[in-house]
Amino acid sequence: MTAGAVPAGWTLVVPVKAFSAAKTRLGPAVPAEARAALARAFALDTITAARAARGVERVIVVTGEVDLGSPLPAGVELVREAGVAAGAVGGGAPNGLTAAIDDGIRAARAGDLVPVAVLLGDLPSLRTSELEFALEAASRHPLAFIADADGTGTTLATASAGATMRPAFGEQSASRHREAGFADLAGSAPFATLRRDVDTVEALEHALRLGVGPHTAEVVAALADGALPHIAPGPTPDTTHSTDPHRRSHA
């Protein structure tokens, strides 16, 4: 997939939930310590791939985590979610994701009405080239979105510089985005890695088959080697890179 001319100036907002409370649906096959390690790795790989995309000027990560665990690429900004104690993004409240996204959009548009995209932070297979293609397609619409692999949720929502940005992430968000006038970009490309969020062991296995970033590959390898609490048997990544420099492939 080759992206066209991606308009410059996109600001990406990436909400990152507290790792200790993230990915509960991976249990009981994956113990809590391993779930936290995977959540951290997913976020880091998503952020790294997003920051490398052409046309992305800023990446704003909204989080209550004190330390994401790795040096972040230049141009990535951390915003503490308002009213949430360190290490407890969302605090388990139903509106935690919405509040984090709202905080990120406010930070993105504090100085100017720039084009904004909200990208979920659990896309360990994300290829930079797919994100570039998606942003190029989104630039033709005031509002746009991409549904997750199941077709019911959302992994990316965008707004042009002049459009009010009020995305509706969460359960059944794809239908809610359509009803709110967001253009559905599903027909413009397969977006296999951009749609592959990971909440379950099955989804993680799908992501590994697509190829994951280096942080996720390292954690999964450690799980397989017993360095972390063990995950249920499944595919493990090798160190062969795919054609996208930001991915590791899995045979």
C-alpha atoms as a PDB file:
ATOM      1  CA  MET A   1       0.000   0.000   0.000  1.00  0.00           C
ATOM      2  CA  THR A   2       1.422   3.332  -1.057  1.00  0.00           C
ATOM      3  CA  ALA A   3       0.109   6.550   0.424  1.00  0.00           C
ATOM      4  CA  GLY A   4      -0.428   9.596  -1.712  1.00  0.00           C
ATOM      5  CA  ALA A   5       0.443  13.131  -0.721  1.00  0.00           C
ATOM      6  CA  VAL A   6      -0.473  13.224   2.965  1.00  0.00           C
ATOM      7  CA  PRO A   7      -1.460  16.753   4.019  1.00  0.00           C
ATOM      8  CA  ALA A   8       0.971  18.093   6.600  1.00  0.00           C
ATOM      9  CA  GLY A   9       0.012  19.228  10.050  1.00  0.00           C
ATOM     10  CA  TRP A  10      -1.914  16.303  11.524  1.00  0.00           C
ATOM     11  CA  THR A  11      -1.936  16.027  15.286  1.00  0.00           C
ATOM     12  CA  LEU A  12      -2.577  12.513  16.578  1.00  0.00           C
ATOM     13  CA  VAL A  13      -4.130  11.967  20.000  1.00  0.00           C
ATOM     14  CA  VAL A  14      -3.358   8.563  21.541  1.00  0.00           C
ATOM     15  CA  PRO A  15      -5.149   7.715  24.823  1.00  0.00           C
ATOM     16  CA  VAL A  16      -3.197   5.224  26.946  1.00  0.00           C
ATOM     17  CA  LYS A  17      -4.932   3.529  29.855  1.00  0.00           C
ATOM     18  CA  ALA A  18      -3.068   2.584  33.036  1.00  0.00           C
ATOM     19  CA  PHE A  19      -1.168  -0.578  32.241  1.00  0.00           C
ATOM     20  CA  SER A  20      -2.115  -2.209  35.528  1.00  0.00           C
ATOM     21  CA  ALA A  21      -5.804  -1.931  34.595  1.00  0.00           C
ATOM     22  CA  ALA A  22      -5.489  -2.597  30.873  1.00  0.00           C
ATOM     23  CA  LYS A  23      -6.264  -5.629  28.754  1.00  0.00           C
ATOM     24  CA  THR A  24      -8.312  -7.531  31.334  1.00  0.00           C
ATOM     25  CA  ARG A  25      -9.937  -9.514  28.516  1.00  0.00           C
ATOM     26  CA  LEU A  26      -6.589 -11.225  27.916  1.00  0.00           C
ATOM     27  CA  GLY A  27      -7.126 -13.051  31.205  1.00  0.00           C
ATOM     28  CA  PRO A  28      -7.168 -15.688  32.511  1.00  0.00           C
ATOM     29  CA  ALA A  29      -4.808 -17.030  29.846  1.00  0.00           C
ATOM     30  CA  VAL A  30      -2.457 -14.112  30.512  1.00  0.00           C
ATOM     31  CA  PRO A  31      -1.651 -13.165  34.154  1.00  0.00           C
ATOM     32  CA  ALA A  32      -1.893  -9.549  35.321  1.00  0.00           C
ATOM     33  CA  GLU A  33       1.855  -8.850  35.192  1.00  0.00           C
ATOM     34  CA  ALA A  34       2.071 -10.094  31.630  1.00  0.00           C
ATOM     35  CA  ARG A  35      -1.043  -8.136  30.614  1.00  0.00           C
ATOM     36  CA  ALA A  36       0.540  -4.929  31.897  1.00  0.00           C
ATOM     37  CA  ALA A  37       3.747  -5.666  29.989  1.00  0.00           C
ATOM     38  CA  LEU A  38       1.784  -6.317  26.798  1.00  0.00           C
ATOM     39  CA  ALA A  39      -0.315  -3.157  27.212  1.00  0.00           C
ATOM     40  CA  ARG A  40       2.856  -1.090  27.569  1.00  0.00           C
ATOM     41  CA  ALA A  41       4.390  -2.730  24.506  1.00  0.00           C
ATOM     42  CA  PHE A  42       1.239  -2.207  22.415  1.00  0.00           C
ATOM     43  CA  ALA A  43       1.214   1.486  23.294  1.00  0.00           C
ATOM     44  CA  LEU A  44       4.895   2.005  22.540  1.00  0.00           C
ATOM     45  CA  ASP A  45       4.691   0.253  19.171  1.00  0.00           C
ATOM     46  CA  THR A  46       1.557   2.215  18.232  1.00  0.00           C
ATOM     47  CA  ILE A  47       3.159   5.539  19.198  1.00  0.00           C
ATOM     48  CA  THR A  48       6.395   4.770  17.342  1.00  0.00           C
ATOM     49  CA  ALA A  49       4.622   3.775  14.137  1.00  0.00           C
ATOM     50  CA  ALA A  50       2.297   6.795  14.321  1.00  0.00           C
ATOM     51  CA  ARG A  51       5.083   9.307  14.890  1.00  0.00           C
ATOM     52  CA  ALA A  52       6.952   8.017  11.839  1.00  0.00           C
ATOM     53  CA  ALA A  53       4.031   8.731   9.508  1.00  0.00           C
ATOM     54  CA  ARG A  54       4.435  11.435   6.902  1.00  0.00           C
ATOM     55  CA  GLY A  55       2.197  14.405   7.575  1.00  0.00           C
ATOM     56  CA  VAL A  56       2.024  13.777  11.318  1.00  0.00           C
ATOM     57  CA  GLU A  57       3.384  16.867  13.026  1.00  0.00           C
ATOM     58  CA  ARG A  58       2.601  15.998  16.653  1.00  0.00           C
ATOM     59  CA  VAL A  59       1.593  12.982  18.678  1.00  0.00           C
ATOM     60  CA  ILE A  60      -0.127  13.700  21.994  1.00  0.00           C
ATOM     61  CA  VAL A  61      -0.283  10.776  24.410  1.00  0.00           C
ATOM     62  CA  VAL A  62      -2.892  11.245  27.137  1.00  0.00           C
ATOM     63  CA  THR A  63      -1.994   9.094  30.117  1.00  0.00           C
ATOM     64  CA  GLY A  64      -1.766   8.870  33.875  1.00  0.00           C
ATOM     65  CA  GLU A  65       1.292   6.624  33.675  1.00  0.00           C
ATOM     66  CA  VAL A  66       4.381   8.238  35.202  1.00  0.00           C
ATOM     67  CA  ASP A  67       6.738   6.284  32.952  1.00  0.00           C
ATOM     68  CA  LEU A  68       5.816   4.636  29.678  1.00  0.00           C
ATOM     69  CA  GLY A  69       8.958   2.545  30.004  1.00  0.00           C
ATOM     70  CA  SER A  70      10.938   3.597  26.949  1.00  0.00           C
ATOM     71  CA  PRO A  71      12.311   6.796  25.430  1.00  0.00           C
ATOM     72  CA  LEU A  72       9.645   8.218  23.152  1.00  0.00           C
ATOM     73  CA  PRO A  73      10.344   9.515  19.634  1.00  0.00           C
ATOM     74  CA  ALA A  74      10.924  13.232  19.177  1.00  0.00           C
ATOM     75  CA  GLY A  75       7.667  15.088  18.691  1.00  0.00           C
ATOM     76  CA  VAL A  76       5.672  12.969  21.135  1.00  0.00           C
ATOM     77  CA  GLU A  77       4.070  14.951  23.956  1.00  0.00           C
ATOM     78  CA  LEU A  78       2.666  13.554  27.188  1.00  0.00           C
ATOM     79  CA  VAL A  79      -0.511  15.062  28.626  1.00  0.00           C
ATOM     80  CA  ARG A  80      -1.685  14.055  32.094  1.00  0.00           C
ATOM     81  CA  GLU A  81      -5.371  13.237  32.026  1.00  0.00           C
ATOM     82  CA  ALA A  82      -7.170  15.790  34.180  1.00  0.00           C
ATOM     83  CA  GLY A  83      -8.444  14.566  37.533  1.00  0.00           C
ATOM     84  CA  VAL A  84      -6.805  11.138  37.328  1.00  0.00           C
ATOM     85  CA  ALA A  85      -4.129  10.008  39.740  1.00  0.00           C
ATOM     86  CA  ALA A  86      -0.821   8.834  38.312  1.00  0.00           C
ATOM     87  CA  GLY A  87      -0.955   5.212  37.244  1.00  0.00           C
ATOM     88  CA  ALA A  88      -4.749   5.159  37.017  1.00  0.00           C
ATOM     89  CA  VAL A  89      -5.858   6.568  33.677  1.00  0.00           C
ATOM     90  CA  GLY A  90      -9.614   6.507  33.476  1.00  0.00           C
ATOM     91  CA  GLY A  91      -9.840   5.259  37.039  1.00  0.00           C
ATOM     92  CA  GLY A  92     -12.119   2.502  35.808  1.00  0.00           C
ATOM     93  CA  ALA A  93     -14.875   5.040  35.149  1.00  0.00           C
ATOM     94  CA  PRO A  94     -17.056   4.417  32.063  1.00  0.00           C
ATOM     95  CA  ASN A  95     -16.200   7.828  30.644  1.00  0.00           C
ATOM     96  CA  GLY A  96     -12.442   7.432  31.202  1.00  0.00           C
ATOM     97  CA  LEU A  97     -11.614   6.961  27.504  1.00  0.00           C
ATOM     98  CA  THR A  98     -13.870   9.839  26.459  1.00  0.00           C
ATOM     99  CA  ALA A  99     -12.320  12.147  29.060  1.00  0.00           C
ATOM    100  CA  ALA A 100      -8.789  11.255  27.961  1.00  0.00           C
ATOM    101  CA  ILE A 101      -9.642  11.880  24.304  1.00  0.00           C
ATOM    102  CA  ASP A 102     -11.293  15.211  25.120  1.00  0.00           C
ATOM    103  CA  ASP A 103      -8.175  16.269  27.040  1.00  0.00           C
ATOM    104  CA  GLY A 104      -6.004  15.346  24.072  1.00  0.00           C
ATOM    105  CA  ILE A 105      -8.148  17.221  21.555  1.00  0.00           C
ATOM    106  CA  ARG A 106      -8.114  20.324  23.752  1.00  0.00           C
ATOM    107  CA  ALA A 107      -4.318  20.136  23.930  1.00  0.00           C
ATOM    108  CA  ALA A 108      -4.070  19.603  20.170  1.00  0.00           C
ATOM    109  CA  ARG A 109      -6.206  22.644  19.383  1.00  0.00           C
ATOM    110  CA  ALA A 110      -5.064  24.933  22.168  1.00  0.00           C
ATOM    111  CA  GLY A 111      -3.309  27.240  19.726  1.00  0.00           C
ATOM    112  CA  ASP A 112      -4.962  26.564  16.372  1.00  0.00           C
ATOM    113  CA  LEU A 113      -7.703  24.533  14.697  1.00  0.00           C
ATOM    114  CA  VAL A 114      -5.375  21.891  13.290  1.00  0.00           C
ATOM    115  CA  PRO A 115      -6.531  18.619  11.724  1.00  0.00           C
ATOM    116  CA  VAL A 116      -6.796  16.042  14.500  1.00  0.00           C
ATOM    117  CA  ALA A 117      -6.874  12.256  14.505  1.00  0.00           C
ATOM    118  CA  VAL A 118      -7.605  10.075  17.514  1.00  0.00           C
ATOM    119  CA  LEU A 119      -5.789   6.741  17.363  1.00  0.00           C
ATOM    120  CA  LEU A 120      -6.247   3.948  19.880  1.00  0.00           C
ATOM    121  CA  GLY A 121      -3.057   2.829  21.620  1.00  0.00           C
ATOM    122  CA  ASP A 122      -3.442  -0.939  21.248  1.00  0.00           C
ATOM    123  CA  LEU A 123      -2.419  -1.470  17.621  1.00  0.00           C
ATOM    124  CA  PRO A 124       0.867  -3.405  17.915  1.00  0.00           C
ATOM    125  CA  SER A 125       0.835  -4.424  14.231  1.00  0.00           C
ATOM    126  CA  LEU A 126       0.294  -0.884  12.947  1.00  0.00           C
ATOM    127  CA  ARG A 127       2.204  -0.173   9.768  1.00  0.00           C
ATOM    128  CA  THR A 128       3.159   3.439   9.235  1.00  0.00           C
ATOM    129  CA  SER A 129       2.288   3.162   5.537  1.00  0.00           C
ATOM    130  CA  GLU A 130      -1.306   2.171   6.365  1.00  0.00           C
ATOM    131  CA  LEU A 131      -1.730   5.123   8.688  1.00  0.00           C
ATOM    132  CA  GLU A 132      -0.376   7.453   6.011  1.00  0.00           C
ATOM    133  CA  PHE A 133      -2.860   6.074   3.495  1.00  0.00           C
ATOM    134  CA  ALA A 134      -5.706   6.429   5.990  1.00  0.00           C
ATOM    135  CA  LEU A 135      -4.837  10.054   6.769  1.00  0.00           C
ATOM    136  CA  GLU A 136      -4.636  10.845   3.066  1.00  0.00           C
ATOM    137  CA  ALA A 137      -8.107   9.357   2.587  1.00  0.00           C
ATOM    138  CA  ALA A 138      -9.419  11.139   5.685  1.00  0.00           C
ATOM    139  CA  SER A 139      -8.178  14.499   4.400  1.00  0.00           C
ATOM    140  CA  ARG A 140     -10.987  14.426   1.802  1.00  0.00           C
ATOM    141  CA  HIS A 141     -13.678  14.506   4.501  1.00  0.00           C
ATOM    142  CA  PRO A 142     -14.520  16.888   7.362  1.00  0.00           C
ATOM    143  CA  LEU A 143     -14.959  13.853   9.630  1.00  0.00           C
ATOM    144  CA  ALA A 144     -13.903  10.258   9.026  1.00  0.00           C
ATOM    145  CA  PHE A 145     -13.291   6.994  10.875  1.00  0.00           C
ATOM    146  CA  ILE A 146     -11.997   3.455  10.500  1.00  0.00           C
ATOM    147  CA  ALA A 147     -13.787   0.578  12.202  1.00  0.00           C
ATOM    148  CA  ASP A 148     -11.904  -2.124  14.084  1.00  0.00           C
ATOM    149  CA  ALA A 149     -11.442  -5.652  12.741  1.00  0.00           C
ATOM    150  CA  ASP A 150     -14.796  -6.744  14.208  1.00  0.00           C
ATOM    151  CA  GLY A 151     -16.562  -3.887  12.448  1.00  0.00           C
ATOM    152  CA  THR A 152     -18.293  -2.604  15.587  1.00  0.00           C
ATOM    153  CA  GLY A 153     -15.620  -0.503  17.303  1.00  0.00           C
ATOM    154  CA  THR A 154     -13.341   2.254  16.032  1.00  0.00           C
ATOM    155  CA  THR A 155      -9.554   2.487  15.899  1.00  0.00           C
ATOM    156  CA  LEU A 156      -9.144   5.873  14.161  1.00  0.00           C
ATOM    157  CA  ALA A 157     -11.345   8.973  13.988  1.00  0.00           C
ATOM    158  CA  THR A 158     -10.344  12.184  12.233  1.00  0.00           C
ATOM    159  CA  ALA A 159     -11.471  15.778  11.861  1.00  0.00           C
ATOM    160  CA  SER A 160     -10.291  18.409   9.403  1.00  0.00           C
ATOM    161  CA  ALA A 161      -8.978  21.731  10.646  1.00  0.00           C
ATOM    162  CA  GLY A 162     -12.374  23.398  10.529  1.00  0.00           C
ATOM    163  CA  ALA A 163     -14.479  20.558  11.906  1.00  0.00           C
ATOM    164  CA  THR A 164     -15.593  20.115  15.497  1.00  0.00           C
ATOM    165  CA  MET A 165     -14.060  16.929  16.863  1.00  0.00           C
ATOM    166  CA  ARG A 166     -16.378  14.889  19.093  1.00  0.00           C
ATOM    167  CA  PRO A 167     -15.609  11.210  18.477  1.00  0.00           C
ATOM    168  CA  ALA A 168     -17.624   8.434  20.113  1.00  0.00           C
ATOM    169  CA  PHE A 169     -15.199   5.641  20.979  1.00  0.00           C
ATOM    170  CA  GLY A 170     -16.306   2.586  22.934  1.00  0.00           C
ATOM    171  CA  GLU A 171     -18.861  -0.150  22.335  1.00  0.00           C
ATOM    172  CA  GLN A 172     -20.743   0.072  19.028  1.00  0.00           C
ATOM    173  CA  SER A 173     -18.784   3.206  18.163  1.00  0.00           C
ATOM    174  CA  ALA A 174     -18.678   2.423  14.440  1.00  0.00           C
ATOM    175  CA  SER A 175     -22.449   2.819  14.087  1.00  0.00           C
ATOM    176  CA  ARG A 176     -22.409   5.903  16.286  1.00  0.00           C
ATOM    177  CA  HIS A 177     -19.723   7.511  14.138  1.00  0.00           C
ATOM    178  CA  ARG A 178     -21.727   6.813  10.979  1.00  0.00           C
ATOM    179  CA  GLU A 179     -24.829   8.330  12.552  1.00  0.00           C
ATOM    180  CA  ALA A 180     -22.812  11.416  13.560  1.00  0.00           C
ATOM    181  CA  GLY A 181     -21.699  12.014   9.974  1.00  0.00           C
ATOM    182  CA  PHE A 182     -18.206  10.535  10.037  1.00  0.00           C
ATOM    183  CA  ALA A 183     -17.236   9.140   6.630  1.00  0.00           C
ATOM    184  CA  ASP A 184     -16.555   5.401   6.765  1.00  0.00           C
ATOM    185  CA  LEU A 185     -13.146   4.778   5.169  1.00  0.00           C
ATOM    186  CA  ALA A 186     -13.455   0.982   5.198  1.00  0.00           C
ATOM    187  CA  GLY A 187     -13.942   0.813   1.443  1.00  0.00           C
ATOM    188  CA  SER A 188     -10.792   2.753   0.559  1.00  0.00           C
ATOM    189  CA  ALA A 189      -8.315   0.023   1.621  1.00  0.00           C
ATOM    190  CA  PRO A 190      -8.174  -3.165   3.745  1.00  0.00           C
ATOM    191  CA  PHE A 191      -6.287  -1.413   6.610  1.00  0.00           C
ATOM    192  CA  ALA A 192      -5.463  -4.816   8.122  1.00  0.00           C
ATOM    193  CA  THR A 193      -2.992  -3.540  10.723  1.00  0.00           C
ATOM    194  CA  LEU A 194      -4.798  -0.275  11.459  1.00  0.00           C
ATOM    195  CA  ARG A 195      -7.985  -2.182  12.289  1.00  0.00           C
ATOM    196  CA  ARG A 196      -6.291  -4.881  14.397  1.00  0.00           C
ATOM    197  CA  ASP A 197      -6.670  -3.691  17.957  1.00  0.00           C
ATOM    198  CA  VAL A 198      -5.851  -6.286  20.615  1.00  0.00           C
ATOM    199  CA  ASP A 199      -8.163  -7.040  23.530  1.00  0.00           C
ATOM    200  CA  THR A 200      -8.212 -10.841  23.528  1.00  0.00           C
ATOM    201  CA  VAL A 201      -5.762 -13.709  23.108  1.00  0.00           C
ATOM    202  CA  GLU A 202      -7.326 -14.492  19.727  1.00  0.00           C
ATOM    203  CA  ALA A 203      -6.780 -10.893  18.594  1.00  0.00           C
ATOM    204  CA  LEU A 204      -3.164 -11.051  19.792  1.00  0.00           C
ATOM    205  CA  GLU A 205      -2.625 -14.192  17.721  1.00  0.00           C
ATOM    206  CA  HIS A 206      -4.039 -12.370  14.668  1.00  0.00           C
ATOM    207  CA  ALA A 207      -1.702  -9.437  15.348  1.00  0.00           C
ATOM    208  CA  LEU A 208       1.305 -11.739  15.580  1.00  0.00           C
ATOM    209  CA  ARG A 209       0.437 -13.235  12.218  1.00  0.00           C
ATOM    210  CA  LEU A 210       0.310  -9.743  10.722  1.00  0.00           C
ATOM    211  CA  GLY A 211       3.663  -8.890  12.321  1.00  0.00           C
ATOM    212  CA  VAL A 212       4.155  -6.736  15.402  1.00  0.00           C
ATOM    213  CA  GLY A 213       6.495  -3.953  16.445  1.00  0.00           C
ATOM    214  CA  PRO A 214       9.712  -4.534  18.387  1.00  0.00           C
ATOM    215  CA  HIS A 215       8.332  -3.823  21.868  1.00  0.00           C
ATOM    216  CA  THR A 216       5.507  -6.332  21.480  1.00  0.00           C
ATOM    217  CA  ALA A 217       7.827  -8.872  19.867  1.00  0.00           C
ATOM    218  CA  GLU A 218      10.191  -8.586  22.828  1.00  0.00           C
ATOM    219  CA  VAL A 219       7.435  -9.095  25.412  1.00  0.00           C
ATOM    220  CA  VAL A 220       5.901 -12.054  23.590  1.00  0.00           C
ATOM    221  CA  ALA A 221       9.348 -13.643  23.259  1.00  0.00           C
ATOM    222  CA  ALA A 222       9.891 -13.151  27.002  1.00  0.00           C
ATOM    223  CA  LEU A 223       6.536 -14.784  27.703  1.00  0.00           C
ATOM    224  CA  ALA A 224       7.482 -17.739  25.553  1.00  0.00           C
ATOM    225  CA  ASP A 225      10.877 -18.022  27.282  1.00  0.00           C
ATOM    226  CA  GLY A 226       9.338 -17.872  30.747  1.00  0.00           C
ATOM    227  CA  ALA A 227      10.882 -14.515  31.646  1.00  0.00           C
ATOM    228  CA  LEU A 228       7.349 -13.265  32.356  1.00  0.00           C
ATOM    229  CA  PRO A 229       4.266 -15.173  33.511  1.00  0.00           C
ATOM    230  CA  HIS A 230       3.339 -17.527  30.715  1.00  0.00           C
ATOM    231  CA  ILE A 231       0.761 -16.864  28.040  1.00  0.00           C
ATOM    232  CA  ALA A 232      -1.348 -19.706  26.702  1.00  0.00           C
ATOM    233  CA  PRO A 233       0.335 -21.484  23.762  1.00  0.00           C
ATOM    234  CA  GLY A 234       0.175 -19.525  20.546  1.00  0.00           C
ATOM    235  CA  PRO A 235       2.377 -18.081  17.781  1.00  0.00           C
ATOM    236  CA  THR A 236       5.534 -16.214  18.728  1.00  0.00           C
ATOM    237  CA  PRO A 237       7.291 -13.634  16.567  1.00  0.00           C
ATOM    238  CA  ASP A 238      10.702 -14.022  15.004  1.00  0.00           C
ATOM    239  CA  THR A 239      13.085 -11.156  14.312  1.00  0.00           C
ATOM    240  CA  THR A 240      12.621 -10.961  10.541  1.00  0.00           C
ATOM    241  CA  HIS A 241      11.448  -7.544   9.422  1.00  0.00           C
ATOM    242  CA  SER A 242       8.672  -7.087   6.893  1.00  0.00           C
ATOM    243  CA  THR A 243       8.824  -4.547   4.088  1.00  0.00           C
ATOM    244  CA  ASP A 244       7.663  -1.894   6.510  1.00  0.00           C
ATOM    245  CA  PRO A 245      10.675  -0.835   8.623  1.00  0.00           C
ATOM    246  CA  HIS A 246       8.472  -0.379  11.677  1.00  0.00           C
ATOM    247  CA  ARG A 247       7.229  -3.972  11.810  1.00  0.00           C
ATOM    248  CA  ARG A 248       8.620  -7.338  12.712  1.00  0.00           C
ATOM    249  CA  SER A 249       7.119 -10.196  10.754  1.00  0.00           C
ATOM    250  CA  HIS A 250       5.866 -13.540  11.948  1.00  0.00           C
ATOM    251  CA  ALA A 251       6.114 -16.623   9.847  1.00  0.00           C
END
